[in-house]
C-alpha atoms as a PDB file:
ATOM      1  CA  MET A   1     -25.550 -11.823   4.584  1.00  0.00           C
ATOM      2  CA  ASN A   2     -24.582  -9.832   7.666  1.00  0.00           C
ATOM      3  CA  PRO A   3     -27.463  -9.804  10.176  1.00  0.00           C
ATOM      4  CA  LEU A   4     -27.462  -6.084  10.944  1.00  0.00           C
ATOM      5  CA  THR A   5     -30.615  -4.572  12.360  1.00  0.00           C
ATOM      6  CA  LEU A   6     -32.265  -1.510  10.848  1.00  0.00           C
ATOM      7  CA  ASN A   7     -31.106   0.604  13.770  1.00  0.00           C
ATOM      8  CA  LYS A   8     -27.483  -0.472  13.279  1.00  0.00           C
ATOM      9  CA  ARG A   9     -27.731   0.422   9.572  1.00  0.00           C
ATOM     10  CA  ARG A  10     -29.001   3.882  10.474  1.00  0.00           C
ATOM     11  CA  SER A  11     -26.218   4.340  13.009  1.00  0.00           C
ATOM     12  CA  PHE A  12     -23.592   3.939  10.309  1.00  0.00           C
ATOM     13  CA  ALA A  13     -24.876   6.979   8.451  1.00  0.00           C
ATOM     14  CA  ALA A  14     -23.696   9.006  11.429  1.00  0.00           C
ATOM     15  CA  ILE A  15     -20.451   7.061  11.569  1.00  0.00           C
ATOM     16  CA  ALA A  16     -19.730   7.802   7.919  1.00  0.00           C
ATOM     17  CA  ILE A  17     -20.156  11.534   8.569  1.00  0.00           C
ATOM     18  CA  ALA A  18     -17.666  11.331  11.434  1.00  0.00           C
ATOM     19  CA  ALA A  19     -15.234   9.113   9.530  1.00  0.00           C
ATOM     20  CA  SER A  20     -13.316  11.941   7.919  1.00  0.00           C
ATOM     21  CA  ALA A  21     -12.394  13.242  11.355  1.00  0.00           C
ATOM     22  CA  VAL A  22     -10.395  10.136  12.154  1.00  0.00           C
ATOM     23  CA  ILE A  23      -8.992   9.283   8.727  1.00  0.00           C
ATOM     24  CA  GLY A  24      -6.048  11.610   9.244  1.00  0.00           C
ATOM     25  CA  LEU A  25      -4.813   9.269  11.937  1.00  0.00           C
ATOM     26  CA  ALA A  26      -4.341   6.477   9.416  1.00  0.00           C
ATOM     27  CA  GLY A  27      -1.252   7.777   7.609  1.00  0.00           C
ATOM     28  CA  CYS A  28       1.844   6.088   6.257  1.00  0.00           C
ATOM     29  CA  GLY A  29       4.205   4.315   8.605  1.00  0.00           C
ATOM     30  CA  GLY A  30       6.741   1.555   8.937  1.00  0.00           C
ATOM     31  CA  GLY A  31       6.052  -1.871  10.339  1.00  0.00           C
ATOM     32  CA  ASP A  32       5.891  -2.514  14.065  1.00  0.00           C
ATOM     33  CA  THR A  33       7.200  -5.949  14.942  1.00  0.00           C
ATOM     34  CA  SER A  34       5.501  -5.952  18.345  1.00  0.00           C
ATOM     35  CA  GLY A  35       2.144  -7.264  17.080  1.00  0.00           C
ATOM     36  CA  ASP A  36       1.095 -10.902  17.406  1.00  0.00           C
ATOM     37  CA  ASP A  37       1.292 -12.985  14.254  1.00  0.00           C
ATOM     38  CA  SER A  38      -2.146 -14.418  13.589  1.00  0.00           C
ATOM     39  CA  SER A  39      -0.583 -17.189  11.497  1.00  0.00           C
ATOM     40  CA  GLU A  40       0.899 -18.572  14.732  1.00  0.00           C
ATOM     41  CA  SER A  41      -2.320 -18.475  16.746  1.00  0.00           C
ATOM     42  CA  ALA A  42      -5.005 -19.229  14.166  1.00  0.00           C
ATOM     43  CA  ALA A  43      -6.625 -22.656  14.185  1.00  0.00           C
ATOM     44  CA  GLU A  44      -5.941 -24.981  11.286  1.00  0.00           C
ATOM     45  CA  SER A  45      -7.444 -23.493   8.155  1.00  0.00           C
ATOM     46  CA  GLY A  46      -9.949 -26.299   7.652  1.00  0.00           C
ATOM     47  CA  GLN A  47     -11.447 -26.079  11.138  1.00  0.00           C
ATOM     48  CA  TRP A  48     -14.382 -23.811  11.990  1.00  0.00           C
ATOM     49  CA  PRO A  49     -15.127 -21.909  14.085  1.00  0.00           C
ATOM     50  CA  LYS A  50     -11.624 -20.564  14.730  1.00  0.00           C
ATOM     51  CA  SER A  51     -10.177 -17.957  17.074  1.00  0.00           C
ATOM     52  CA  PHE A  52      -6.916 -16.065  16.733  1.00  0.00           C
ATOM     53  CA  THR A  53      -5.152 -12.805  17.611  1.00  0.00           C
ATOM     54  CA  ASP A  54      -4.458 -10.381  14.772  1.00  0.00           C
ATOM     55  CA  ASP A  55      -1.421  -8.135  14.289  1.00  0.00           C
ATOM     56  CA  ASP A  56      -2.904  -5.354  16.414  1.00  0.00           C
ATOM     57  CA  GLY A  57      -3.747  -7.586  19.364  1.00  0.00           C
ATOM     58  CA  ASN A  58      -7.451  -7.961  18.581  1.00  0.00           C
ATOM     59  CA  GLU A  59      -9.092 -11.256  19.482  1.00  0.00           C
ATOM     60  CA  ILE A  60     -10.972 -12.509  16.425  1.00  0.00           C
ATOM     61  CA  GLU A  61     -13.510 -15.309  16.165  1.00  0.00           C
ATOM     62  CA  LEU A  62     -14.831 -16.589  12.858  1.00  0.00           C
ATOM     63  CA  GLU A  63     -17.858 -18.855  13.069  1.00  0.00           C
ATOM     64  CA  LYS A  64     -17.472 -20.128   9.511  1.00  0.00           C
ATOM     65  CA  GLN A  65     -15.236 -19.766   6.478  1.00  0.00           C
ATOM     66  CA  PRO A  66     -15.615 -16.275   4.974  1.00  0.00           C
ATOM     67  CA  GLU A  67     -17.502 -16.085   1.694  1.00  0.00           C
ATOM     68  CA  ASN A  68     -17.657 -12.309   1.171  1.00  0.00           C
ATOM     69  CA  ILE A  69     -14.409 -10.537   2.070  1.00  0.00           C
ATOM     70  CA  VAL A  70     -13.889  -6.783   1.863  1.00  0.00           C
ATOM     71  CA  SER A  71     -10.289  -5.551   1.722  1.00  0.00           C
ATOM     72  CA  THR A  72      -9.800  -1.963   2.853  1.00  0.00           C
ATOM     73  CA  ALA A  73      -6.092  -2.176   1.934  1.00  0.00           C
ATOM     74  CA  VAL A  74      -5.245  -2.222  -1.766  1.00  0.00           C
ATOM     75  CA  THR A  75      -1.801  -3.544  -0.801  1.00  0.00           C
ATOM     76  CA  LEU A  76      -3.364  -6.707   0.653  1.00  0.00           C
ATOM     77  CA  THR A  77      -5.928  -7.296  -2.086  1.00  0.00           C
ATOM     78  CA  GLY A  78      -3.392  -8.842  -4.445  1.00  0.00           C
ATOM     79  CA  SER A  79      -2.445 -11.483  -1.881  1.00  0.00           C
ATOM     80  CA  LEU A  80      -6.118 -12.354  -1.343  1.00  0.00           C
ATOM     81  CA  LEU A  81      -6.603 -12.723  -5.098  1.00  0.00           C
ATOM     82  CA  ALA A  82      -3.502 -14.883  -5.441  1.00  0.00           C
ATOM     83  CA  ILE A  83      -4.867 -17.469  -2.990  1.00  0.00           C
ATOM     84  CA  ASP A  84      -8.345 -17.364  -4.546  1.00  0.00           C
ATOM     85  CA  ALA A  85      -9.926 -15.997  -1.367  1.00  0.00           C
ATOM     86  CA  PRO A  86     -13.434 -14.610  -1.997  1.00  0.00           C
ATOM     87  CA  VAL A  87     -12.557 -10.908  -1.953  1.00  0.00           C
ATOM     88  CA  THR A  88     -15.538  -9.165  -3.516  1.00  0.00           C
ATOM     89  CA  ALA A  89     -14.681  -5.504  -2.946  1.00  0.00           C
ATOM     90  CA  SER A  90     -11.558  -3.482  -2.222  1.00  0.00           C
ATOM     91  CA  GLY A  91     -10.353  -0.029  -1.394  1.00  0.00           C
ATOM     92  CA  ALA A  92      -8.242   1.547  -4.119  1.00  0.00           C
ATOM     93  CA  THR A  93      -5.479   4.067  -4.669  1.00  0.00           C
ATOM     94  CA  ALA A  94      -5.350   7.042  -7.042  1.00  0.00           C
ATOM     95  CA  PRO A  95      -6.521   5.879 -10.489  1.00  0.00           C
ATOM     96  CA  ASN A  96      -4.805   6.143 -13.870  1.00  0.00           C
ATOM     97  CA  SER A  97      -1.280   6.322 -12.494  1.00  0.00           C
ATOM     98  CA  PRO A  98       1.842   4.400 -13.548  1.00  0.00           C
ATOM     99  CA  VAL A  99       1.006   1.788 -10.903  1.00  0.00           C
ATOM    100  CA  ALA A 100      -2.819   1.708 -10.984  1.00  0.00           C
ATOM    101  CA  ASP A 101      -5.645   1.260 -13.496  1.00  0.00           C
ATOM    102  CA  ASP A 102      -8.740   3.433 -13.931  1.00  0.00           C
ATOM    103  CA  GLN A 103     -10.296   1.930 -10.792  1.00  0.00           C
ATOM    104  CA  GLY A 104      -7.224   2.514  -8.664  1.00  0.00           C
ATOM    105  CA  PHE A 105      -6.320  -1.190  -8.569  1.00  0.00           C
ATOM    106  CA  PHE A 106      -2.636  -2.093  -8.907  1.00  0.00           C
ATOM    107  CA  THR A 107      -1.683  -2.943 -12.469  1.00  0.00           C
ATOM    108  CA  GLN A 108       0.020  -6.233 -11.533  1.00  0.00           C
ATOM    109  CA  TRP A 109      -3.320  -7.800 -10.579  1.00  0.00           C
ATOM    110  CA  SER A 110      -5.987  -5.500 -12.019  1.00  0.00           C
ATOM    111  CA  ASP A 111      -6.839  -8.012 -14.754  1.00  0.00           C
ATOM    112  CA  VAL A 112      -7.396 -10.714 -12.129  1.00  0.00           C
ATOM    113  CA  ALA A 113      -9.645  -8.361 -10.153  1.00  0.00           C
ATOM    114  CA  MET A 114     -11.642  -7.696 -13.317  1.00  0.00           C
ATOM    115  CA  GLU A 115     -12.044 -11.415 -14.026  1.00  0.00           C
ATOM    116  CA  LYS A 116     -13.303 -11.964 -10.478  1.00  0.00           C
ATOM    117  CA  ASP A 117     -15.611  -8.922 -10.536  1.00  0.00           C
ATOM    118  CA  VAL A 118     -13.947  -7.235  -7.564  1.00  0.00           C
ATOM    119  CA  LYS A 119     -15.766  -3.985  -6.852  1.00  0.00           C
ATOM    120  CA  GLU A 120     -13.924  -0.734  -6.186  1.00  0.00           C
ATOM    121  CA  LEU A 121     -15.209   0.593  -2.842  1.00  0.00           C
ATOM    122  CA  TYR A 122     -13.504   3.974  -2.794  1.00  0.00           C
ATOM    123  CA  GLN A 123     -10.259   5.674  -3.801  1.00  0.00           C
ATOM    124  CA  GLY A 124      -8.170   6.958  -0.909  1.00  0.00           C
ATOM    125  CA  ASP A 125     -10.036   7.565   2.354  1.00  0.00           C
ATOM    126  CA  PRO A 126     -12.187   4.638   3.553  1.00  0.00           C
ATOM    127  CA  ASN A 127     -15.945   4.965   3.084  1.00  0.00           C
ATOM    128  CA  VAL A 128     -17.849   3.200   5.861  1.00  0.00           C
ATOM    129  CA  GLU A 129     -21.207   3.356   4.104  1.00  0.00           C
ATOM    130  CA  ASN A 130     -19.789   1.630   1.028  1.00  0.00           C
ATOM    131  CA  ILE A 131     -18.223  -1.089   3.161  1.00  0.00           C
ATOM    132  CA  LEU A 132     -21.497  -1.579   5.045  1.00  0.00           C
ATOM    133  CA  ALA A 133     -23.442  -1.883   1.792  1.00  0.00           C
ATOM    134  CA  GLU A 134     -21.325  -4.884   0.762  1.00  0.00           C
ATOM    135  CA  GLU A 135     -22.508  -6.842   3.822  1.00  0.00           C
ATOM    136  CA  PRO A 136     -19.130  -8.590   4.259  1.00  0.00           C
ATOM    137  CA  ASP A 137     -18.528 -11.510   6.566  1.00  0.00           C
ATOM    138  CA  LEU A 138     -14.843 -10.537   6.957  1.00  0.00           C
ATOM    139  CA  ILE A 139     -13.063  -7.182   6.642  1.00  0.00           C
ATOM    140  CA  VAL A 140      -9.292  -7.055   6.114  1.00  0.00           C
ATOM    141  CA  VAL A 141      -7.421  -3.949   7.293  1.00  0.00           C
ATOM    142  CA  SER A 142      -3.750  -2.986   7.112  1.00  0.00           C
ATOM    143  CA  LYS A 143      -2.124  -1.884  10.363  1.00  0.00           C
ATOM    144  CA  THR A 144       0.007   0.850   8.808  1.00  0.00           C
ATOM    145  CA  GLY A 145       0.605   2.547   5.486  1.00  0.00           C
ATOM    146  CA  ALA A 146      -1.302   4.972   3.293  1.00  0.00           C
ATOM    147  CA  ASP A 147      -4.064   2.392   2.780  1.00  0.00           C
ATOM    148  CA  SER A 148      -4.637   1.730   6.482  1.00  0.00           C
ATOM    149  CA  ALA A 149      -8.162   2.025   7.890  1.00  0.00           C
ATOM    150  CA  ASN A 150      -7.051   0.903  11.349  1.00  0.00           C
ATOM    151  CA  ALA A 151      -8.202   4.169  12.938  1.00  0.00           C
ATOM    152  CA  MET A 152     -11.743   3.087  12.073  1.00  0.00           C
ATOM    153  CA  TYR A 153     -11.416  -0.401  13.529  1.00  0.00           C
ATOM    154  CA  ASP A 154     -14.254  -0.032  16.032  1.00  0.00           C
ATOM    155  CA  GLN A 155     -16.719   1.093  13.366  1.00  0.00           C
ATOM    156  CA  LEU A 156     -15.648  -1.637  10.960  1.00  0.00           C
ATOM    157  CA  SER A 157     -15.757  -4.411  13.547  1.00  0.00           C
ATOM    158  CA  ASP A 158     -19.395  -3.501  14.220  1.00  0.00           C
ATOM    159  CA  ILE A 159     -20.137  -4.438  10.601  1.00  0.00           C
ATOM    160  CA  ALA A 160     -18.291  -7.778  10.519  1.00  0.00           C
ATOM    161  CA  PRO A 161     -15.269  -9.549  12.039  1.00  0.00           C
ATOM    162  CA  THR A 162     -12.305  -7.324  11.173  1.00  0.00           C
ATOM    163  CA  VAL A 163      -8.714  -8.551  11.049  1.00  0.00           C
ATOM    164  CA  VAL A 164      -5.662  -6.265  11.062  1.00  0.00           C
ATOM    165  CA  ILE A 165      -2.601  -7.362   9.061  1.00  0.00           C
ATOM    166  CA  ASP A 166       0.798  -5.700   9.431  1.00  0.00           C
ATOM    167  CA  TYR A 167       2.454  -5.999   6.027  1.00  0.00           C
ATOM    168  CA  GLY A 168       5.329  -3.766   7.167  1.00  0.00           C
ATOM    169  CA  ASN A 169       7.042  -6.330   9.404  1.00  0.00           C
ATOM    170  CA  LYS A 170       6.877  -9.406   7.171  1.00  0.00           C
ATOM    171  CA  ASP A 171       7.538 -10.281   3.550  1.00  0.00           C
ATOM    172  CA  TRP A 172       4.812 -10.925   0.983  1.00  0.00           C
ATOM    173  CA  GLN A 173       5.082 -14.699   1.309  1.00  0.00           C
ATOM    174  CA  GLU A 174       4.510 -14.498   5.051  1.00  0.00           C
ATOM    175  CA  VAL A 175       1.486 -12.260   4.439  1.00  0.00           C
ATOM    176  CA  THR A 176       0.204 -14.771   1.893  1.00  0.00           C
ATOM    177  CA  THR A 177       0.533 -17.604   4.413  1.00  0.00           C
ATOM    178  CA  GLN A 178      -1.174 -15.557   7.120  1.00  0.00           C
ATOM    179  CA  LEU A 179      -4.132 -14.641   4.930  1.00  0.00           C
ATOM    180  CA  GLY A 180      -4.424 -18.236   3.762  1.00  0.00           C
ATOM    181  CA  GLU A 181      -4.763 -19.496   7.314  1.00  0.00           C
ATOM    182  CA  ILE A 182      -7.285 -16.803   8.263  1.00  0.00           C
ATOM    183  CA  THR A 183      -9.517 -17.328   5.226  1.00  0.00           C
ATOM    184  CA  GLY A 184      -9.328 -21.109   5.012  1.00  0.00           C
ATOM    185  CA  HIS A 185      -7.141 -20.999   1.904  1.00  0.00           C
ATOM    186  CA  ALA A 186      -3.927 -22.297   3.463  1.00  0.00           C
ATOM    187  CA  ASP A 187      -3.441 -24.912   0.747  1.00  0.00           C
ATOM    188  CA  GLU A 188      -3.700 -22.278  -1.979  1.00  0.00           C
ATOM    189  CA  ALA A 189      -1.256 -20.026  -0.116  1.00  0.00           C
ATOM    190  CA  LYS A 190       1.221 -22.876   0.224  1.00  0.00           C
ATOM    191  CA  LYS A 191       0.921 -23.614  -3.491  1.00  0.00           C
ATOM    192  CA  VAL A 192       1.497 -19.973  -4.446  1.00  0.00           C
ATOM    193  CA  ASN A 193       4.625 -19.745  -2.304  1.00  0.00           C
ATOM    194  CA  GLU A 194       6.009 -23.079  -3.468  1.00  0.00           C
ATOM    195  CA  GLU A 195       5.460 -22.245  -7.135  1.00  0.00           C
ATOM    196  CA  PHE A 196       7.223 -18.912  -6.683  1.00  0.00           C
ATOM    197  CA  ASP A 197      10.159 -20.507  -4.872  1.00  0.00           C
ATOM    198  CA  GLN A 198      10.462 -23.170  -7.568  1.00  0.00           C
ATOM    199  CA  ARG A 199      10.513 -20.576 -10.314  1.00  0.00           C
ATOM    200  CA  ALA A 200      13.089 -18.476  -8.462  1.00  0.00           C
ATOM    201  CA  GLU A 201      15.282 -21.565  -8.140  1.00  0.00           C
ATOM    202  CA  GLU A 202      14.934 -22.287 -11.859  1.00  0.00           C
ATOM    203  CA  ILE A 203      15.904 -18.725 -12.747  1.00  0.00           C
ATOM    204  CA  LYS A 204      18.864 -18.913 -10.374  1.00  0.00           C
ATOM    205  CA  GLY A 205      20.238 -21.800 -12.429  1.00  0.00           C
ATOM    206  CA  SER A 206      19.481 -20.301 -15.822  1.00  0.00           C
ATOM    207  CA  ILE A 207      21.033 -16.816 -15.650  1.00  0.00           C
ATOM    208  CA  ASP A 208      24.478 -15.317 -15.768  1.00  0.00           C
ATOM    209  CA  ALA A 209      24.476 -13.371 -12.536  1.00  0.00           C
ATOM    210  CA  PRO A 210      25.683  -9.769 -12.630  1.00  0.00           C
ATOM    211  CA  GLU A 211      28.826  -8.740 -10.813  1.00  0.00           C
ATOM    212  CA  GLN A 212      28.484  -9.283  -7.079  1.00  0.00           C
ATOM    213  CA  PRO A 213      27.674  -8.054  -4.469  1.00  0.00           C
ATOM    214  CA  VAL A 214      24.508  -6.130  -5.320  1.00  0.00           C
ATOM    215  CA  THR A 215      22.505  -3.313  -3.742  1.00  0.00           C
ATOM    216  CA  GLY A 216      18.717  -3.063  -3.967  1.00  0.00           C
ATOM    217  CA  LEU A 217      17.146   0.321  -3.343  1.00  0.00           C
ATOM    218  CA  VAL A 218      14.498   2.909  -4.106  1.00  0.00           C
ATOM    219  CA  TYR A 219      16.048   6.055  -5.613  1.00  0.00           C
ATOM    220  CA  ASN A 220      14.491   9.434  -4.921  1.00  0.00           C
ATOM    221  CA  SER A 221      15.523  12.440  -6.972  1.00  0.00           C
ATOM    222  CA  GLU A 222      14.011  15.726  -5.820  1.00  0.00           C
ATOM    223  CA  ALA A 223      16.243  17.814  -8.042  1.00  0.00           C
ATOM    224  CA  LYS A 224      16.619  17.511 -11.803  1.00  0.00           C
ATOM    225  CA  GLY A 225      19.787  15.611 -12.501  1.00  0.00           C
ATOM    226  CA  GLY A 226      20.119  14.402  -8.929  1.00  0.00           C
ATOM    227  CA  GLY A 227      22.716  16.099  -6.780  1.00  0.00           C
ATOM    228  CA  SER A 228      21.954  17.454  -3.312  1.00  0.00           C
ATOM    229  CA  GLY A 229      18.216  16.823  -3.663  1.00  0.00           C
ATOM    230  CA  SER A 230      18.550  13.066  -4.130  1.00  0.00           C
ATOM    231  CA  SER A 231      18.306  10.293  -1.547  1.00  0.00           C
ATOM    232  CA  ALA A 232      17.712   6.559  -1.361  1.00  0.00           C
ATOM    233  CA  ASN A 233      16.018   3.900   0.704  1.00  0.00           C
ATOM    234  CA  VAL A 234      18.253   0.843   0.612  1.00  0.00           C
ATOM    235  CA  TRP A 235      16.576  -2.510   1.228  1.00  0.00           C
ATOM    236  CA  THR A 236      17.881  -4.314   4.301  1.00  0.00           C
ATOM    237  CA  PRO A 237      18.393  -8.106   4.438  1.00  0.00           C
ATOM    238  CA  ASP A 238      15.041  -8.303   6.274  1.00  0.00           C
ATOM    239  CA  SER A 239      13.094  -6.785   3.378  1.00  0.00           C
ATOM    240  CA  ALA A 240      11.072  -8.803   0.879  1.00  0.00           C
ATOM    241  CA  GLN A 241      12.994  -7.213  -1.986  1.00  0.00           C
ATOM    242  CA  ALA A 242      16.394  -8.202  -0.602  1.00  0.00           C
ATOM    243  CA  LYS A 243      15.162 -11.721   0.119  1.00  0.00           C
ATOM    244  CA  LEU A 244      14.024 -12.013  -3.497  1.00  0.00           C
ATOM    245  CA  LEU A 245      17.471 -10.953  -4.748  1.00  0.00           C
ATOM    246  CA  GLU A 246      19.103 -13.526  -2.484  1.00  0.00           C
ATOM    247  CA  GLU A 247      16.656 -16.203  -3.628  1.00  0.00           C
ATOM    248  CA  VAL A 248      17.963 -15.930  -7.192  1.00  0.00           C
ATOM    249  CA  GLY A 249      21.527 -16.244  -5.941  1.00  0.00           C
ATOM    250  CA  PHE A 250      22.619 -12.635  -5.524  1.00  0.00           C
ATOM    251  CA  GLU A 251      24.870 -11.545  -2.652  1.00  0.00           C
ATOM    252  CA  LEU A 252      23.823  -8.391  -0.838  1.00  0.00           C
ATOM    253  CA  ALA A 253      26.368  -5.635  -0.386  1.00  0.00           C
ATOM    254  CA  GLU A 254      26.822  -4.318   3.122  1.00  0.00           C
ATOM    255  CA  VAL A 255      25.781  -0.773   3.971  1.00  0.00           C
ATOM    256  CA  PRO A 256      28.253   1.011   6.274  1.00  0.00           C
ATOM    257  CA  GLU A 257      26.572   2.008   9.500  1.00  0.00           C
ATOM    258  CA  ASN A 258      27.936   5.565   9.306  1.00  0.00           C
ATOM    259  CA  ALA A 259      26.106   6.056   5.980  1.00  0.00           C
ATOM    260  CA  ILE A 260      22.647   5.369   7.388  1.00  0.00           C
ATOM    261  CA  SER A 261      20.390   8.235   8.431  1.00  0.00           C
ATOM    262  CA  GLN A 262      19.367   8.333  12.087  1.00  0.00           C
ATOM    263  CA  GLY A 263      15.847   9.524  11.210  1.00  0.00           C
ATOM    264  CA  ASP A 264      12.659   7.532  11.660  1.00  0.00           C
ATOM    265  CA  MET A 265      13.054   5.639   8.388  1.00  0.00           C
ATOM    266  CA  GLY A 266      16.485   4.484   9.483  1.00  0.00           C
ATOM    267  CA  LYS A 267      14.853   2.620  12.369  1.00  0.00           C
ATOM    268  CA  ARG A 268      12.693   0.448  10.111  1.00  0.00           C
ATOM    269  CA  SER A 269      13.686  -3.181   9.741  1.00  0.00           C
ATOM    270  CA  ASP A 270      13.247  -3.238   5.958  1.00  0.00           C
ATOM    271  CA  ILE A 271      14.861   0.030   4.857  1.00  0.00           C
ATOM    272  CA  TYR A 272      18.020   2.037   5.450  1.00  0.00           C
ATOM    273  CA  GLU A 273      17.397   5.707   4.745  1.00  0.00           C
ATOM    274  CA  VAL A 274      20.370   7.361   3.037  1.00  0.00           C
ATOM    275  CA  THR A 275      20.617  11.093   2.368  1.00  0.00           C
ATOM    276  CA  GLY A 276      22.385  12.651  -0.606  1.00  0.00           C
ATOM    277  CA  GLU A 277      25.775  13.280   0.964  1.00  0.00           C
ATOM    278  CA  ASN A 278      26.050   9.611   1.970  1.00  0.00           C
ATOM    279  CA  LEU A 279      24.868   7.974  -1.268  1.00  0.00           C
ATOM    280  CA  SER A 280      28.326   7.131  -2.598  1.00  0.00           C
ATOM    281  CA  LYS A 281      29.332   5.742   0.790  1.00  0.00           C
ATOM    282  CA  ALA A 282      26.212   3.600   1.223  1.00  0.00           C
ATOM    283  CA  ILE A 283      25.689   2.155  -2.258  1.00  0.00           C
ATOM    284  CA  THR A 284      28.661  -0.174  -2.500  1.00  0.00           C
ATOM    285  CA  GLY A 285      27.171  -2.884  -4.710  1.00  0.00           C
ATOM    286  CA  LYS A 286      28.933  -3.603  -7.977  1.00  0.00           C
ATOM    287  CA  SER A 287      25.450  -3.974  -9.444  1.00  0.00           C
ATOM    288  CA  VAL A 288      22.379  -1.969  -8.409  1.00  0.00           C
ATOM    289  CA  PHE A 289      18.714  -2.963  -8.637  1.00  0.00           C
ATOM    290  CA  LEU A 290      16.282  -0.053  -8.581  1.00  0.00           C
ATOM    291  CA  PHE A 291      12.820  -0.864  -7.267  1.00  0.00           C
ATOM    292  CA  ASN A 292       9.800   1.329  -7.997  1.00  0.00           C
ATOM    293  CA  ALA A 293      11.728   2.284 -11.120  1.00  0.00           C
ATOM    294  CA  ASN A 294      11.728   2.213 -14.907  1.00  0.00           C
ATOM    295  CA  GLU A 295      14.389   2.982 -17.524  1.00  0.00           C
ATOM    296  CA  LYS A 296      13.854   6.714 -17.055  1.00  0.00           C
ATOM    297  CA  THR A 297      14.720   6.267 -13.382  1.00  0.00           C
ATOM    298  CA  VAL A 298      17.883   4.407 -14.349  1.00  0.00           C
ATOM    299  CA  GLU A 299      19.001   7.249 -16.623  1.00  0.00           C
ATOM    300  CA  GLY A 300      18.428   9.801 -13.866  1.00  0.00           C
ATOM    301  CA  TYR A 301      20.334   7.631 -11.416  1.00  0.00           C
ATOM    302  CA  LYS A 302      23.348   7.355 -13.717  1.00  0.00           C
ATOM    303  CA  LYS A 303      23.434  11.121 -14.235  1.00  0.00           C
ATOM    304  CA  ASP A 304      23.330  11.936 -10.518  1.00  0.00           C
ATOM    305  CA  SER A 305      26.601  13.673  -9.692  1.00  0.00           C
ATOM    306  CA  LEU A 306      26.643  12.013  -6.267  1.00  0.00           C
ATOM    307  CA  LEU A 307      26.512   8.541  -7.811  1.00  0.00           C
ATOM    308  CA  LYS A 308      28.797   8.785 -10.831  1.00  0.00           C
ATOM    309  CA  SER A 309      31.780   7.362  -8.953  1.00  0.00           C
ATOM    310  CA  THR A 310      29.911   4.373  -7.460  1.00  0.00           C
ATOM    311  CA  PRO A 311      30.890   0.907  -8.730  1.00  0.00           C
ATOM    312  CA  ALA A 312      27.549   0.105 -10.388  1.00  0.00           C
ATOM    313  CA  VAL A 313      27.434   3.328 -12.390  1.00  0.00           C
ATOM    314  CA  GLU A 314      31.041   2.920 -13.472  1.00  0.00           C
ATOM    315  CA  ASN A 315      30.237  -0.678 -14.505  1.00  0.00           C
ATOM    316  CA  ASP A 316      27.005   0.369 -16.270  1.00  0.00           C
ATOM    317  CA  ALA A 317      25.283  -2.187 -14.049  1.00  0.00           C
ATOM    318  CA  VAL A 318      22.092  -0.391 -12.921  1.00  0.00           C
ATOM    319  CA  TYR A 319      18.796  -2.220 -13.521  1.00  0.00           C
ATOM    320  CA  ALA A 320      15.126  -1.229 -13.177  1.00  0.00           C
ATOM    321  CA  MET A 321      12.813  -3.708 -11.447  1.00  0.00           C
ATOM    322  CA  GLY A 322       9.569  -2.028 -12.478  1.00  0.00           C
ATOM    323  CA  LEU A 323       7.240   0.597 -11.049  1.00  0.00           C
ATOM    324  CA  ASP A 324       5.148  -2.132  -9.405  1.00  0.00           C
ATOM    325  CA  SER A 325       8.027  -3.522  -7.335  1.00  0.00           C
ATOM    326  CA  PHE A 326       7.791  -1.270  -4.268  1.00  0.00           C
ATOM    327  CA  ARG A 327       5.048  -3.259  -2.518  1.00  0.00           C
ATOM    328  CA  LEU A 328       5.521  -6.881  -3.386  1.00  0.00           C
ATOM    329  CA  ASP A 329       2.796  -9.488  -3.680  1.00  0.00           C
ATOM    330  CA  TYR A 330       2.754 -12.692  -5.728  1.00  0.00           C
ATOM    331  CA  TYR A 331       2.026 -10.806  -8.941  1.00  0.00           C
ATOM    332  CA  SER A 332       4.598  -8.009  -8.637  1.00  0.00           C
ATOM    333  CA  ALA A 333       7.268 -10.361  -7.252  1.00  0.00           C
ATOM    334  CA  SER A 334       6.704 -12.614 -10.265  1.00  0.00           C
ATOM    335  CA  ASN A 335       7.142  -9.583 -12.520  1.00  0.00           C
ATOM    336  CA  VAL A 336      10.510  -8.912 -10.859  1.00  0.00           C
ATOM    337  CA  LEU A 337      11.558 -12.487 -11.607  1.00  0.00           C
ATOM    338  CA  ASP A 338      10.560 -11.912 -15.248  1.00  0.00           C
ATOM    339  CA  LYS A 339      12.800  -8.854 -15.445  1.00  0.00           C
ATOM    340  CA  ILE A 340      15.764 -10.637 -13.868  1.00  0.00           C
ATOM    341  CA  GLU A 341      15.362 -13.610 -16.192  1.00  0.00           C
ATOM    342  CA  LYS A 342      15.115 -11.384 -19.275  1.00  0.00           C
ATOM    343  CA  GLU A 343      18.081  -9.211 -18.279  1.00  0.00           C
ATOM    344  CA  PHE A 344      20.506 -11.994 -17.372  1.00  0.00           C
ATOM    345  CA  SER A 345      19.370 -14.980 -19.421  1.00  0.00           C
ATOM    346  CA  LYS A 346      22.309 -17.054 -20.677  1.00  0.00           C
END
């Protein structure tokens, strides 16, 4: 139980009223690789107390292993569940969507959250009063993204030790390792990663790979039937999605530099932003894997006038990796492996 005084509890009523004024600062954004990696500085997971520096440069000290973790980032909650960390409550996204259940928990792990009685704290903007009421002994915050509560770090760190994780500059397995070391579940994190790698290796040897090289991307169609309103975010070799494709033996197609947008997205390490006029130039893979996509997305992609002459469309080699594949964790990455195995099984 967090030893807050009555006066500190009363002070958070005022903080909650002011919270909405700062929430707007916590918008979406790409990863910043300048932050320290807490997995490098944390003490061994079995030793307490431990001190480390989080991904936003905050010095954190944990007196004992956390037993009541609150996750303010729905993107990170799945990784905590996968390593059996004691996450008891979590922020959520918009409910009843193609990627979330009626609580706003991601569909790839919502059943696990239900089994472990994880409480939904709020949907969308962080609610300080709800976090306070849980009396956590550790609060996990994302540095960037739509689910970031980093703008409220000072308020949250008054409740309990608060650690900031940047999931934008590392893949899901690195995040899993980092959270394992912080929470004292390093062995579980290692097991999760090893089991995934073993399964990926098994699938690599059991499928007939599609024509190589391949391109992995997120397709955006703003106009019916594609055309000038369409664009794409192509996964770079540094992205978790591209690493997964390589892990099952696929060769990544190169993206010509003159096809990449010079906007902000183009500067991210995990994504190349490609606008409509450059789609045919950028998407050179003989097979294409669409992330954050279903079969309806594939049909729209094939009908896009700007993509009809690309190798993958001509080869009828465009594949959907699921609507849950945009932000990978153990559960969604495993679902991608399922789709690859089913599609290309010998």
